[in-house]
Amino acid sequence: MTASHSPSSDHALPDWADRATVDGTAADWLMTTRLMTDDIRRSVVQTVRIRVLSAKTVTLPATVTAMLPSAEHDGWLREIEIRSDEQVFVHAYCFVPATTLTAQPWLMTLGEQPLGAELAKRPAERRAAMQFQPSSATASPFASTVGAWARRSVFDIDAQPLLLIEHMTSHLLDIPRRID
């Protein structure tokens, strides 16, 4: 079982950038705005599932509140892995401020359902520009399953924000992304 590690600070990490300095298959995965879980399922031969590591009320870290327009300190954290039986492909954190959770209570009931698929059903959803950062187990406060790159962006659902941080393992970034 992978330990749950909530990101509490970006102090040990390089700055987030508006573009990732990668190309090839890694760029395909990092830059996609398509449904990540669906693309992974199409691209790997193993059965892919979502494993919920944590879903709980939290005090949002300052690095999270700084990115959200409301700057609330109370919220909800959902930490998941997108994985096969053998490999972790993505380790993700979804931070939801309390006011967003009140307006969008379905976020607490996702369980093992992909966030992206649920967001796609909502016409008032939009995603802000993504930011990128190299990630490694040695320079990260995150779990050891973290791989080569991370991306983050704020989603807006009916004027209610949430922050999604996705760490993509080097194993995923080496796999050609299939979109057919």
C-alpha atoms as a PDB file:
ATOM      1  CA  MET A   1       0.000   0.000   0.000  1.00  0.00           C
ATOM      2  CA  THR A   2       1.337   3.428  -0.952  1.00  0.00           C
ATOM      3  CA  ALA A   3       1.502   5.950   1.846  1.00  0.00           C
ATOM      4  CA  SER A   4      -0.596   9.060   1.491  1.00  0.00           C
ATOM      5  CA  HIS A   5       1.500  12.240   1.455  1.00  0.00           C
ATOM      6  CA  SER A   6      -0.391  15.505   1.337  1.00  0.00           C
ATOM      7  CA  PRO A   7       1.563  18.301  -0.290  1.00  0.00           C
ATOM      8  CA  SER A   8       2.062  20.942   2.349  1.00  0.00           C
ATOM      9  CA  SER A   9       4.607  23.204   0.745  1.00  0.00           C
ATOM     10  CA  ASP A  10       6.334  23.895  -2.553  1.00  0.00           C
ATOM     11  CA  HIS A  11       9.475  25.161  -0.769  1.00  0.00           C
ATOM     12  CA  ALA A  12      11.722  22.284  -1.927  1.00  0.00           C
ATOM     13  CA  LEU A  13      10.455  22.288  -5.493  1.00  0.00           C
ATOM     14  CA  PRO A  14      11.552  24.362  -8.478  1.00  0.00           C
ATOM     15  CA  ASP A  15       9.184  27.102  -9.607  1.00  0.00           C
ATOM     16  CA  TRP A  16       6.142  26.151 -11.649  1.00  0.00           C
ATOM     17  CA  ALA A  17       6.405  27.166 -15.307  1.00  0.00           C
ATOM     18  CA  ASP A  18       3.846  27.956 -17.995  1.00  0.00           C
ATOM     19  CA  ARG A  19       5.487  25.438 -20.320  1.00  0.00           C
ATOM     20  CA  ALA A  20       7.225  22.127 -19.895  1.00  0.00           C
ATOM     21  CA  THR A  21      10.638  21.680 -21.468  1.00  0.00           C
ATOM     22  CA  VAL A  22       9.937  18.209 -22.830  1.00  0.00           C
ATOM     23  CA  ASP A  23       9.003  16.786 -26.181  1.00  0.00           C
ATOM     24  CA  GLY A  24       7.787  13.527 -27.698  1.00  0.00           C
ATOM     25  CA  THR A  25       5.518  11.236 -25.711  1.00  0.00           C
ATOM     26  CA  ALA A  26       6.108  13.156 -22.463  1.00  0.00           C
ATOM     27  CA  ALA A  27       4.830  16.361 -24.072  1.00  0.00           C
ATOM     28  CA  ASP A  28       1.768  14.508 -25.406  1.00  0.00           C
ATOM     29  CA  TRP A  29       0.809  13.458 -21.883  1.00  0.00           C
ATOM     30  CA  LEU A  30       1.663  16.730 -20.154  1.00  0.00           C
ATOM     31  CA  MET A  31      -0.082  19.021 -22.636  1.00  0.00           C
ATOM     32  CA  THR A  32      -3.263  17.046 -23.205  1.00  0.00           C
ATOM     33  CA  THR A  33      -6.558  18.543 -22.122  1.00  0.00           C
ATOM     34  CA  ARG A  34      -8.383  15.329 -22.942  1.00  0.00           C
ATOM     35  CA  LEU A  35      -9.658  12.914 -20.293  1.00  0.00           C
ATOM     36  CA  MET A  36      -6.443  11.522 -18.774  1.00  0.00           C
ATOM     37  CA  THR A  37      -7.920   8.299 -17.385  1.00  0.00           C
ATOM     38  CA  ASP A  38      -9.538   7.441 -20.735  1.00  0.00           C
ATOM     39  CA  ASP A  39      -6.304   8.101 -22.629  1.00  0.00           C
ATOM     40  CA  ILE A  40      -4.335   5.923 -20.197  1.00  0.00           C
ATOM     41  CA  ARG A  41      -6.864   3.105 -20.588  1.00  0.00           C
ATOM     42  CA  ARG A  42      -6.465   3.279 -24.375  1.00  0.00           C
ATOM     43  CA  SER A  43      -2.672   3.444 -24.221  1.00  0.00           C
ATOM     44  CA  VAL A  44      -1.684   0.618 -21.881  1.00  0.00           C
ATOM     45  CA  VAL A  45      -2.360  -3.116 -22.068  1.00  0.00           C
ATOM     46  CA  GLN A  46      -3.020  -3.532 -18.353  1.00  0.00           C
ATOM     47  CA  THR A  47      -6.343  -2.930 -16.656  1.00  0.00           C
ATOM     48  CA  VAL A  48      -6.353   0.631 -15.355  1.00  0.00           C
ATOM     49  CA  ARG A  49      -8.202   1.773 -12.260  1.00  0.00           C
ATOM     50  CA  ILE A  50      -8.407   4.667  -9.866  1.00  0.00           C
ATOM     51  CA  ARG A  51      -7.302   4.016  -6.322  1.00  0.00           C
ATOM     52  CA  VAL A  52      -8.432   6.552  -3.734  1.00  0.00           C
ATOM     53  CA  LEU A  53      -5.637   7.108  -1.219  1.00  0.00           C
ATOM     54  CA  SER A  54      -7.388   9.788   0.791  1.00  0.00           C
ATOM     55  CA  ALA A  55     -10.605  11.799   0.760  1.00  0.00           C
ATOM     56  CA  LYS A  56     -10.949  14.109   3.725  1.00  0.00           C
ATOM     57  CA  THR A  57     -11.539  17.565   5.147  1.00  0.00           C
ATOM     58  CA  VAL A  58      -8.280  19.494   5.421  1.00  0.00           C
ATOM     59  CA  THR A  59      -6.774  22.888   6.054  1.00  0.00           C
ATOM     60  CA  LEU A  60      -5.655  23.947   2.594  1.00  0.00           C
ATOM     61  CA  PRO A  61      -1.909  24.667   2.356  1.00  0.00           C
ATOM     62  CA  ALA A  62      -0.882  28.275   1.684  1.00  0.00           C
ATOM     63  CA  THR A  63       0.523  27.237  -1.715  1.00  0.00           C
ATOM     64  CA  VAL A  64      -2.977  26.050  -2.655  1.00  0.00           C
ATOM     65  CA  THR A  65      -4.937  29.007  -1.280  1.00  0.00           C
ATOM     66  CA  ALA A  66      -2.586  31.372  -3.134  1.00  0.00           C
ATOM     67  CA  MET A  67      -3.825  29.887  -6.416  1.00  0.00           C
ATOM     68  CA  LEU A  68      -7.538  30.074  -5.616  1.00  0.00           C
ATOM     69  CA  PRO A  69      -9.568  33.284  -5.889  1.00  0.00           C
ATOM     70  CA  SER A  70     -11.355  32.768  -2.577  1.00  0.00           C
ATOM     71  CA  ALA A  71      -8.196  32.104  -0.497  1.00  0.00           C
ATOM     72  CA  GLU A  72     -10.220  29.918   1.878  1.00  0.00           C
ATOM     73  CA  HIS A  73      -8.332  27.811   4.368  1.00  0.00           C
ATOM     74  CA  ASP A  74     -10.880  25.008   4.868  1.00  0.00           C
ATOM     75  CA  GLY A  75     -11.546  22.460   2.181  1.00  0.00           C
ATOM     76  CA  TRP A  76     -11.566  18.915   0.898  1.00  0.00           C
ATOM     77  CA  LEU A  77      -8.658  16.870  -0.414  1.00  0.00           C
ATOM     78  CA  ARG A  78      -9.016  13.873  -2.701  1.00  0.00           C
ATOM     79  CA  GLU A  79      -5.747  12.046  -3.353  1.00  0.00           C
ATOM     80  CA  ILE A  80      -5.757   9.297  -5.972  1.00  0.00           C
ATOM     81  CA  GLU A  81      -3.578   7.106  -8.139  1.00  0.00           C
ATOM     82  CA  ILE A  82      -4.372   6.113 -11.684  1.00  0.00           C
ATOM     83  CA  ARG A  83      -2.742   2.709 -11.873  1.00  0.00           C
ATOM     84  CA  SER A  84      -2.631  -0.867 -13.054  1.00  0.00           C
ATOM     85  CA  ASP A  85      -1.894  -3.747 -10.703  1.00  0.00           C
ATOM     86  CA  GLU A  86       1.815  -3.305 -11.374  1.00  0.00           C
ATOM     87  CA  GLN A  87       2.350   0.392 -12.153  1.00  0.00           C
ATOM     88  CA  VAL A  88       1.304   3.822 -10.929  1.00  0.00           C
ATOM     89  CA  PHE A  89       0.807   6.198 -13.874  1.00  0.00           C
ATOM     90  CA  VAL A  90      -0.509   9.341 -12.150  1.00  0.00           C
ATOM     91  CA  HIS A  91      -0.578  10.458  -8.527  1.00  0.00           C
ATOM     92  CA  ALA A  92      -3.073  13.326  -8.207  1.00  0.00           C
ATOM     93  CA  TYR A  93      -4.374  15.754  -5.606  1.00  0.00           C
ATOM     94  CA  CYS A  94      -7.654  17.624  -5.962  1.00  0.00           C
ATOM     95  CA  PHE A  95      -8.037  20.517  -3.511  1.00  0.00           C
ATOM     96  CA  VAL A  96     -11.587  21.824  -3.149  1.00  0.00           C
ATOM     97  CA  PRO A  97     -12.371  24.954  -1.070  1.00  0.00           C
ATOM     98  CA  ALA A  98     -15.317  24.636   1.342  1.00  0.00           C
ATOM     99  CA  THR A  99     -17.541  27.027  -0.661  1.00  0.00           C
ATOM    100  CA  THR A 100     -16.954  25.006  -3.831  1.00  0.00           C
ATOM    101  CA  LEU A 101     -17.800  21.820  -1.942  1.00  0.00           C
ATOM    102  CA  THR A 102     -21.031  23.353  -0.664  1.00  0.00           C
ATOM    103  CA  ALA A 103     -22.035  24.385  -4.196  1.00  0.00           C
ATOM    104  CA  GLN A 104     -20.757  21.149  -5.801  1.00  0.00           C
ATOM    105  CA  PRO A 105     -21.356  18.359  -3.224  1.00  0.00           C
ATOM    106  CA  TRP A 106     -20.967  15.654  -5.902  1.00  0.00           C
ATOM    107  CA  LEU A 107     -17.190  16.185  -5.573  1.00  0.00           C
ATOM    108  CA  MET A 108     -17.293  14.312  -2.235  1.00  0.00           C
ATOM    109  CA  THR A 109     -19.024  11.306  -3.798  1.00  0.00           C
ATOM    110  CA  LEU A 110     -16.645  10.569  -6.694  1.00  0.00           C
ATOM    111  CA  GLY A 111     -15.137   7.501  -5.079  1.00  0.00           C
ATOM    112  CA  GLU A 112     -13.179   5.658  -7.795  1.00  0.00           C
ATOM    113  CA  GLN A 113     -14.777   7.629 -10.645  1.00  0.00           C
ATOM    114  CA  PRO A 114     -12.488   9.920 -12.661  1.00  0.00           C
ATOM    115  CA  LEU A 115     -12.817  13.629 -11.875  1.00  0.00           C
ATOM    116  CA  GLY A 116     -12.326  14.586 -15.536  1.00  0.00           C
ATOM    117  CA  ALA A 117     -15.275  12.511 -16.758  1.00  0.00           C
ATOM    118  CA  GLU A 118     -17.559  14.194 -14.215  1.00  0.00           C
ATOM    119  CA  LEU A 119     -16.243  17.665 -15.043  1.00  0.00           C
ATOM    120  CA  ALA A 120     -16.833  17.018 -18.755  1.00  0.00           C
ATOM    121  CA  LYS A 121     -20.558  16.502 -18.022  1.00  0.00           C
ATOM    122  CA  ARG A 122     -20.846  20.052 -16.690  1.00  0.00           C
ATOM    123  CA  PRO A 123     -21.192  22.732 -19.368  1.00  0.00           C
ATOM    124  CA  ALA A 124     -20.133  25.549 -17.025  1.00  0.00           C
ATOM    125  CA  GLU A 125     -16.706  23.973 -16.355  1.00  0.00           C
ATOM    126  CA  ARG A 126     -13.532  25.607 -17.637  1.00  0.00           C
ATOM    127  CA  ARG A 127      -9.853  24.972 -17.019  1.00  0.00           C
ATOM    128  CA  ALA A 128      -7.283  27.710 -16.474  1.00  0.00           C
ATOM    129  CA  ALA A 129      -3.874  27.491 -18.106  1.00  0.00           C
ATOM    130  CA  MET A 130      -1.748  24.595 -16.910  1.00  0.00           C
ATOM    131  CA  GLN A 131       1.588  25.034 -15.172  1.00  0.00           C
ATOM    132  CA  PHE A 132       4.390  22.464 -15.123  1.00  0.00           C
ATOM    133  CA  GLN A 133       7.240  21.383 -12.905  1.00  0.00           C
ATOM    134  CA  PRO A 134       9.801  18.578 -12.975  1.00  0.00           C
ATOM    135  CA  SER A 135       9.155  16.245 -10.074  1.00  0.00           C
ATOM    136  CA  SER A 136      11.326  13.593  -8.516  1.00  0.00           C
ATOM    137  CA  ALA A 137      11.241  11.580  -5.334  1.00  0.00           C
ATOM    138  CA  THR A 138      14.368  13.355  -4.101  1.00  0.00           C
ATOM    139  CA  ALA A 139      13.069  16.918  -4.620  1.00  0.00           C
ATOM    140  CA  SER A 140       9.460  16.344  -3.703  1.00  0.00           C
ATOM    141  CA  PRO A 141       7.412  16.147  -0.506  1.00  0.00           C
ATOM    142  CA  PHE A 142       5.140  13.710  -2.340  1.00  0.00           C
ATOM    143  CA  ALA A 143       4.967   9.895  -2.346  1.00  0.00           C
ATOM    144  CA  SER A 144       7.804   7.880  -3.883  1.00  0.00           C
ATOM    145  CA  THR A 145       5.524   6.933  -6.783  1.00  0.00           C
ATOM    146  CA  VAL A 146       5.964  10.437  -8.166  1.00  0.00           C
ATOM    147  CA  GLY A 147       7.685  10.455 -11.529  1.00  0.00           C
ATOM    148  CA  ALA A 148       9.163  12.802 -14.016  1.00  0.00           C
ATOM    149  CA  TRP A 149       6.740  15.759 -14.300  1.00  0.00           C
ATOM    150  CA  ALA A 150       3.839  17.433 -12.546  1.00  0.00           C
ATOM    151  CA  ARG A 151       1.170  19.769 -13.865  1.00  0.00           C
ATOM    152  CA  ARG A 152      -1.406  21.855 -12.062  1.00  0.00           C
ATOM    153  CA  SER A 153      -4.391  23.947 -13.010  1.00  0.00           C
ATOM    154  CA  VAL A 154      -7.445  25.542 -11.500  1.00  0.00           C
ATOM    155  CA  PHE A 155     -10.838  24.383 -12.706  1.00  0.00           C
ATOM    156  CA  ASP A 156     -13.863  26.641 -12.466  1.00  0.00           C
ATOM    157  CA  ILE A 157     -17.268  24.971 -12.078  1.00  0.00           C
ATOM    158  CA  ASP A 158     -20.104  27.503 -12.116  1.00  0.00           C
ATOM    159  CA  ALA A 159     -17.713  30.149 -10.669  1.00  0.00           C
ATOM    160  CA  GLN A 160     -16.497  27.702  -7.991  1.00  0.00           C
ATOM    161  CA  PRO A 161     -12.753  26.843  -8.141  1.00  0.00           C
ATOM    162  CA  LEU A 162     -10.765  23.708  -7.412  1.00  0.00           C
ATOM    163  CA  LEU A 163      -7.069  22.973  -7.873  1.00  0.00           C
ATOM    164  CA  LEU A 164      -5.837  19.765  -9.505  1.00  0.00           C
ATOM    165  CA  ILE A 165      -2.170  18.715  -9.247  1.00  0.00           C
ATOM    166  CA  GLU A 166      -1.179  15.648 -11.280  1.00  0.00           C
ATOM    167  CA  HIS A 167       2.198  13.932 -10.959  1.00  0.00           C
ATOM    168  CA  MET A 168       2.891  11.791 -14.016  1.00  0.00           C
ATOM    169  CA  THR A 169       5.358   8.985 -13.514  1.00  0.00           C
ATOM    170  CA  SER A 170       8.229   8.435 -15.912  1.00  0.00           C
ATOM    171  CA  HIS A 171       6.621   5.079 -16.714  1.00  0.00           C
ATOM    172  CA  LEU A 172       3.560   6.860 -18.149  1.00  0.00           C
ATOM    173  CA  LEU A 173       5.561   9.543 -19.927  1.00  0.00           C
ATOM    174  CA  ASP A 174       7.448   6.855 -21.884  1.00  0.00           C
ATOM    175  CA  ILE A 175       4.247   5.268 -23.256  1.00  0.00           C
ATOM    176  CA  PRO A 176       2.895   6.601 -26.572  1.00  0.00           C
ATOM    177  CA  ARG A 177      -0.519   8.206 -25.917  1.00  0.00           C
ATOM    178  CA  ARG A 178      -3.311   6.696 -27.993  1.00  0.00           C
ATOM    179  CA  ILE A 179      -6.327   8.891 -28.647  1.00  0.00           C
ATOM    180  CA  ASP A 180      -8.334   6.710 -31.060  1.00  0.00           C
END
